[in-house]
Amino acid sequence: MSGEVLLAGLLAVLLGTVHVLSPYLAVLDRTPRSVWLSLAGGVSVAYVFVHLLPELALEGAALEGSALAHEEGLFTVALAGLLVFYGLERLARERAARHEGARAPFRLHLAAFALYNFLIGYLIEAEAAAGPAGLALYGLAMGLHFTVNDRALFAHHGQAWLDRGRWVLAASAPAGWALSLLVAIPEFWTALLFALLAGAIVLNVIKEELPAERASRFWAFALGAAGYGAILIVS
């Protein structure tokens, strides 16, 4: 097994560990919103707009075949990723409002984020092709993003998240990475998956930052976005 594969596997395990450590992240749960969560949100969004979307534009220019492979097609898939996660979020909230204490909203949230983490884990190998630096940048952005998602899921589901949910999501990223070793997909499909991920990340960050009751820290969000964006530009 090559060093590149080992590094990718280690990253997948570390990403899963974010959810294992969920009880210790409770220090971030506060109002006004934790500076660190807003900072993490800014980093995640910068990764999408400064790295992922430009990479998709380059991929679209180079790929041939389906119209989806062109820049407009890939950006449309990114929009679809945002819309799909928005729809799932609305559905989970509506079910929770109609059936207080029911398991259906928890299961829906859990299934959606398990698939999301699985996708992030699957794409680790593609990022590893860019070398250790690219892998580290991906790992930092996704690790911080997992932290934001973890606190959001705990806020929604409480003890059910700690008892069951976090373990499912902790296993999802390593499982996705393991599948990537067994099943390689064409470059075209990898680009589509990255496009879906881009849209989903934007939605999941913004929905946590915008609600007025969160009293989010704009300066921390902007600092995270600007600082990480600068790192991506010079790297």
Protein backbone atom coordinates (compact mmCIF):
# COMPACT_ATOMS: atom_id res chain seq x y z
CA MET A 1 0.00 0.00 0.00
CA SER A 2 1.49 3.35 -1.08
CA GLY A 3 2.15 6.27 1.21
CA GLU A 4 -0.48 8.29 -0.64
CA VAL A 5 -3.14 5.68 0.09
CA LEU A 6 -2.12 5.49 3.75
CA LEU A 7 -2.35 9.26 4.12
CA ALA A 8 -5.79 9.25 2.52
CA GLY A 9 -6.95 6.47 4.85
CA LEU A 10 -5.59 8.32 7.87
CA LEU A 11 -7.50 11.43 6.83
CA ALA A 12 -10.73 9.43 6.47
CA VAL A 13 -10.32 8.09 10.01
CA LEU A 14 -9.51 11.55 11.38
CA LEU A 15 -12.63 13.00 9.77
CA GLY A 16 -14.73 10.28 11.38
CA THR A 17 -13.08 11.03 14.71
CA VAL A 18 -14.68 14.49 14.69
CA HIS A 19 -18.04 12.83 15.37
CA VAL A 20 -16.59 10.36 17.88
CA LEU A 21 -15.43 13.38 19.89
CA SER A 22 -18.87 15.00 19.71
CA PRO A 23 -19.46 15.11 23.51
CA TYR A 24 -16.26 17.13 23.91
CA LEU A 25 -17.35 19.66 21.29
CA ALA A 26 -20.24 20.84 23.46
CA VAL A 27 -18.06 23.75 24.58
CA LEU A 28 -18.83 25.26 21.15
CA ASP A 29 -22.60 25.32 21.79
CA ARG A 30 -23.52 28.84 22.81
CA THR A 31 -25.41 31.97 21.85
CA PRO A 32 -24.04 34.22 20.38
CA ARG A 33 -22.63 31.58 18.03
CA SER A 34 -19.14 30.34 18.81
CA VAL A 35 -16.42 32.29 17.04
CA TRP A 36 -14.82 28.97 16.11
CA LEU A 37 -17.93 27.62 14.40
CA SER A 38 -18.34 30.80 12.36
CA LEU A 39 -14.64 30.68 11.48
CA ALA A 40 -15.01 27.04 10.42
CA GLY A 41 -17.98 27.94 8.25
CA GLY A 42 -15.94 30.61 6.50
CA VAL A 43 -13.15 28.13 5.80
CA SER A 44 -15.60 25.63 4.27
CA VAL A 45 -17.18 28.23 1.99
CA ALA A 46 -13.76 29.52 0.90
CA TYR A 47 -12.79 25.98 -0.05
CA VAL A 48 -15.80 25.78 -2.35
CA PHE A 49 -15.47 29.17 -4.03
CA VAL A 50 -11.69 29.52 -4.23
CA HIS A 51 -10.70 25.90 -4.89
CA LEU A 52 -13.54 23.57 -5.79
CA LEU A 53 -15.51 25.70 -8.27
CA PRO A 54 -12.42 26.87 -10.21
CA GLU A 55 -11.26 23.25 -10.36
CA LEU A 56 -14.67 22.25 -11.72
CA ALA A 57 -14.41 24.95 -14.38
CA LEU A 58 -11.05 23.55 -15.47
CA GLU A 59 -12.42 20.01 -15.44
CA GLY A 60 -15.41 21.07 -17.51
CA ALA A 61 -13.18 22.71 -20.10
CA ALA A 62 -11.07 19.56 -20.40
CA LEU A 63 -13.76 16.88 -20.35
CA GLU A 64 -15.60 15.71 -23.42
CA GLY A 65 -18.91 13.96 -23.81
CA SER A 66 -22.15 14.78 -22.02
CA ALA A 67 -23.27 18.40 -21.70
CA LEU A 68 -23.05 17.88 -17.95
CA ALA A 69 -19.29 17.71 -18.30
CA HIS A 70 -19.07 21.31 -19.46
CA GLU A 71 -18.70 24.19 -16.99
CA GLU A 72 -22.39 25.14 -17.09
CA GLY A 73 -23.41 21.53 -16.60
CA LEU A 74 -21.14 21.03 -13.60
CA PHE A 75 -22.33 24.26 -11.99
CA THR A 76 -25.91 23.12 -12.58
CA VAL A 77 -25.08 19.92 -10.71
CA ALA A 78 -23.64 22.06 -7.89
CA LEU A 79 -26.94 23.95 -7.77
CA ALA A 80 -28.74 20.60 -7.66
CA GLY A 81 -26.61 19.59 -4.66
CA LEU A 82 -27.69 22.74 -2.85
CA LEU A 83 -31.35 22.20 -3.72
CA VAL A 84 -31.36 18.53 -2.72
CA PHE A 85 -29.93 19.27 0.71
CA TYR A 86 -32.26 22.23 1.16
CA GLY A 87 -35.20 20.00 0.34
CA LEU A 88 -34.05 17.31 2.78
CA GLU A 89 -33.55 19.92 5.50
CA ARG A 90 -37.03 21.36 4.97
CA LEU A 91 -38.58 17.89 4.95
CA ALA A 92 -36.85 16.93 8.21
CA ARG A 93 -37.97 20.15 9.90
CA GLU A 94 -41.56 19.80 8.69
CA ARG A 95 -41.75 16.21 9.93
CA ALA A 96 -40.33 17.27 13.27
CA ALA A 97 -42.97 20.01 13.56
CA ARG A 98 -45.79 17.56 12.79
CA HIS A 99 -44.54 14.65 14.90
CA GLU A 100 -42.75 15.98 17.96
CA GLY A 101 -40.39 13.32 19.29
CA ALA A 102 -40.90 11.04 16.27
CA ARG A 103 -37.93 9.12 14.91
CA ALA A 104 -38.60 9.93 11.26
CA PRO A 105 -36.86 13.36 11.21
CA PHE A 106 -33.81 11.91 12.98
CA ARG A 107 -33.57 9.01 10.55
CA LEU A 108 -33.95 11.33 7.56
CA HIS A 109 -31.24 13.68 8.83
CA LEU A 110 -29.01 10.74 9.66
CA ALA A 111 -29.41 9.11 6.25
CA ALA A 112 -28.75 12.38 4.42
CA PHE A 113 -25.60 13.22 6.37
CA ALA A 114 -24.33 9.65 6.29
CA LEU A 115 -24.49 9.80 2.50
CA TYR A 116 -22.87 13.25 2.61
CA ASN A 117 -19.97 12.05 4.77
CA PHE A 118 -19.66 8.93 2.62
CA LEU A 119 -19.28 11.13 -0.47
CA ILE A 120 -16.64 13.28 1.23
CA GLY A 121 -14.76 10.12 2.20
CA TYR A 122 -15.03 8.68 -1.29
CA LEU A 123 -13.52 11.83 -2.81
CA ILE A 124 -10.46 11.78 -0.53
CA GLU A 125 -8.60 9.57 -3.01
CA ALA A 126 -9.24 12.05 -5.82
CA GLU A 127 -7.82 14.87 -3.70
CA ALA A 128 -4.85 12.71 -2.72
CA ALA A 129 -3.79 12.73 -6.37
CA ALA A 130 -2.88 16.41 -5.90
CA GLY A 131 -0.27 15.43 -3.33
CA PRO A 132 0.04 15.83 0.45
CA ALA A 133 -0.55 19.60 0.34
CA GLY A 134 -3.84 19.24 -1.54
CA LEU A 135 -4.90 16.45 0.78
CA ALA A 136 -4.11 18.57 3.85
CA LEU A 137 -6.13 21.51 2.52
CA TYR A 138 -9.10 19.23 1.81
CA GLY A 139 -8.77 17.59 5.22
CA LEU A 140 -8.68 20.89 7.10
CA ALA A 141 -11.71 22.29 5.29
CA MET A 142 -13.74 19.10 5.69
CA GLY A 143 -12.69 18.55 9.30
CA LEU A 144 -13.91 22.03 10.24
CA HIS A 145 -17.06 21.48 8.18
CA PHE A 146 -17.73 18.20 10.01
CA THR A 147 -17.45 20.11 13.28
CA VAL A 148 -20.11 22.60 12.18
CA ASN A 149 -22.41 19.78 11.03
CA ASP A 150 -21.83 17.84 14.24
CA ARG A 151 -23.00 20.72 16.44
CA ALA A 152 -26.02 21.32 14.20
CA LEU A 153 -27.07 17.67 14.43
CA PHE A 154 -26.64 17.64 18.19
CA ALA A 155 -28.76 20.80 18.46
CA HIS A 156 -31.52 19.10 16.44
CA HIS A 157 -31.44 15.62 17.98
CA GLY A 158 -29.68 15.78 21.35
CA GLN A 159 -29.18 12.44 23.07
CA ALA A 160 -30.26 10.41 20.04
CA TRP A 161 -27.36 11.97 18.17
CA LEU A 162 -24.89 11.12 20.93
CA ASP A 163 -26.19 7.59 21.42
CA ARG A 164 -26.50 6.49 17.80
CA GLY A 165 -26.17 9.16 15.16
CA ARG A 166 -22.57 10.19 15.65
CA TRP A 167 -21.34 6.61 15.33
CA VAL A 168 -23.06 6.18 11.97
CA LEU A 169 -21.52 9.38 10.64
CA ALA A 170 -18.13 8.55 12.15
CA ALA A 171 -18.07 5.37 10.07
CA SER A 172 -19.38 6.96 6.87
CA ALA A 173 -16.26 8.84 5.73
CA PRO A 174 -13.90 5.85 6.23
CA ALA A 175 -16.45 3.63 4.46
CA GLY A 176 -16.54 6.01 1.50
CA TRP A 177 -12.75 6.05 1.31
CA ALA A 178 -12.61 2.24 1.48
CA LEU A 179 -15.08 1.97 -1.42
CA SER A 180 -12.93 4.34 -3.49
CA LEU A 181 -10.12 1.78 -3.27
CA LEU A 182 -12.39 -0.95 -4.61
CA VAL A 183 -14.48 0.97 -7.14
CA ALA A 184 -12.80 3.56 -9.35
CA ILE A 185 -15.09 5.80 -11.38
CA PRO A 186 -14.32 7.81 -14.53
CA GLU A 187 -13.07 11.39 -14.22
CA PHE A 188 -16.40 12.66 -15.51
CA TRP A 189 -18.31 11.10 -12.60
CA THR A 190 -15.73 12.32 -10.09
CA ALA A 191 -16.31 15.86 -11.35
CA LEU A 192 -20.07 15.42 -10.93
CA LEU A 193 -19.62 14.21 -7.35
CA PHE A 194 -17.40 17.18 -6.52
CA ALA A 195 -20.04 19.49 -8.03
CA LEU A 196 -22.76 17.95 -5.86
CA LEU A 197 -20.51 18.31 -2.83
CA ALA A 198 -19.85 21.99 -3.60
CA GLY A 199 -23.54 22.86 -3.58
CA ALA A 200 -24.25 20.83 -0.46
CA ILE A 201 -21.39 22.46 1.48
CA VAL A 202 -22.62 25.97 0.67
CA LEU A 203 -26.16 25.12 1.82
CA ASN A 204 -25.06 23.40 5.02
CA VAL A 205 -22.81 26.29 6.03
CA ILE A 206 -25.19 29.12 5.17
CA LYS A 207 -28.19 27.53 6.91
CA GLU A 208 -26.19 27.51 10.15
CA GLU A 209 -24.89 31.07 9.82
CA LEU A 210 -27.97 33.00 8.66
CA PRO A 211 -30.70 32.43 11.30
CA ALA A 212 -30.97 35.56 13.46
CA GLU A 213 -31.37 33.57 16.69
CA ARG A 214 -27.88 32.13 16.24
CA ALA A 215 -26.32 35.61 16.52
CA SER A 216 -23.53 34.44 14.22
CA ARG A 217 -20.16 36.18 14.20
CA PHE A 218 -19.80 37.77 10.78
CA TRP A 219 -16.26 38.95 11.42
CA ALA A 220 -15.16 35.41 12.31
CA PHE A 221 -16.91 33.96 9.25
CA ALA A 222 -15.29 36.58 7.01
CA LEU A 223 -11.89 36.06 8.62
CA GLY A 224 -12.11 32.30 8.08
CA ALA A 225 -13.15 32.76 4.45
CA ALA A 226 -10.52 35.42 3.69
CA GLY A 227 -7.69 33.68 5.51
CA TYR A 228 -8.31 30.24 4.07
CA GLY A 229 -9.01 31.72 0.66
CA ALA A 230 -5.61 33.42 0.74
CA ILE A 231 -3.93 30.13 1.69
CA LEU A 232 -5.63 28.39 -1.24
CA ILE A 233 -4.56 31.10 -3.67
CA VAL A 234 -0.88 30.97 -2.73
CA SER A 235 -0.68 27.18 -2.32
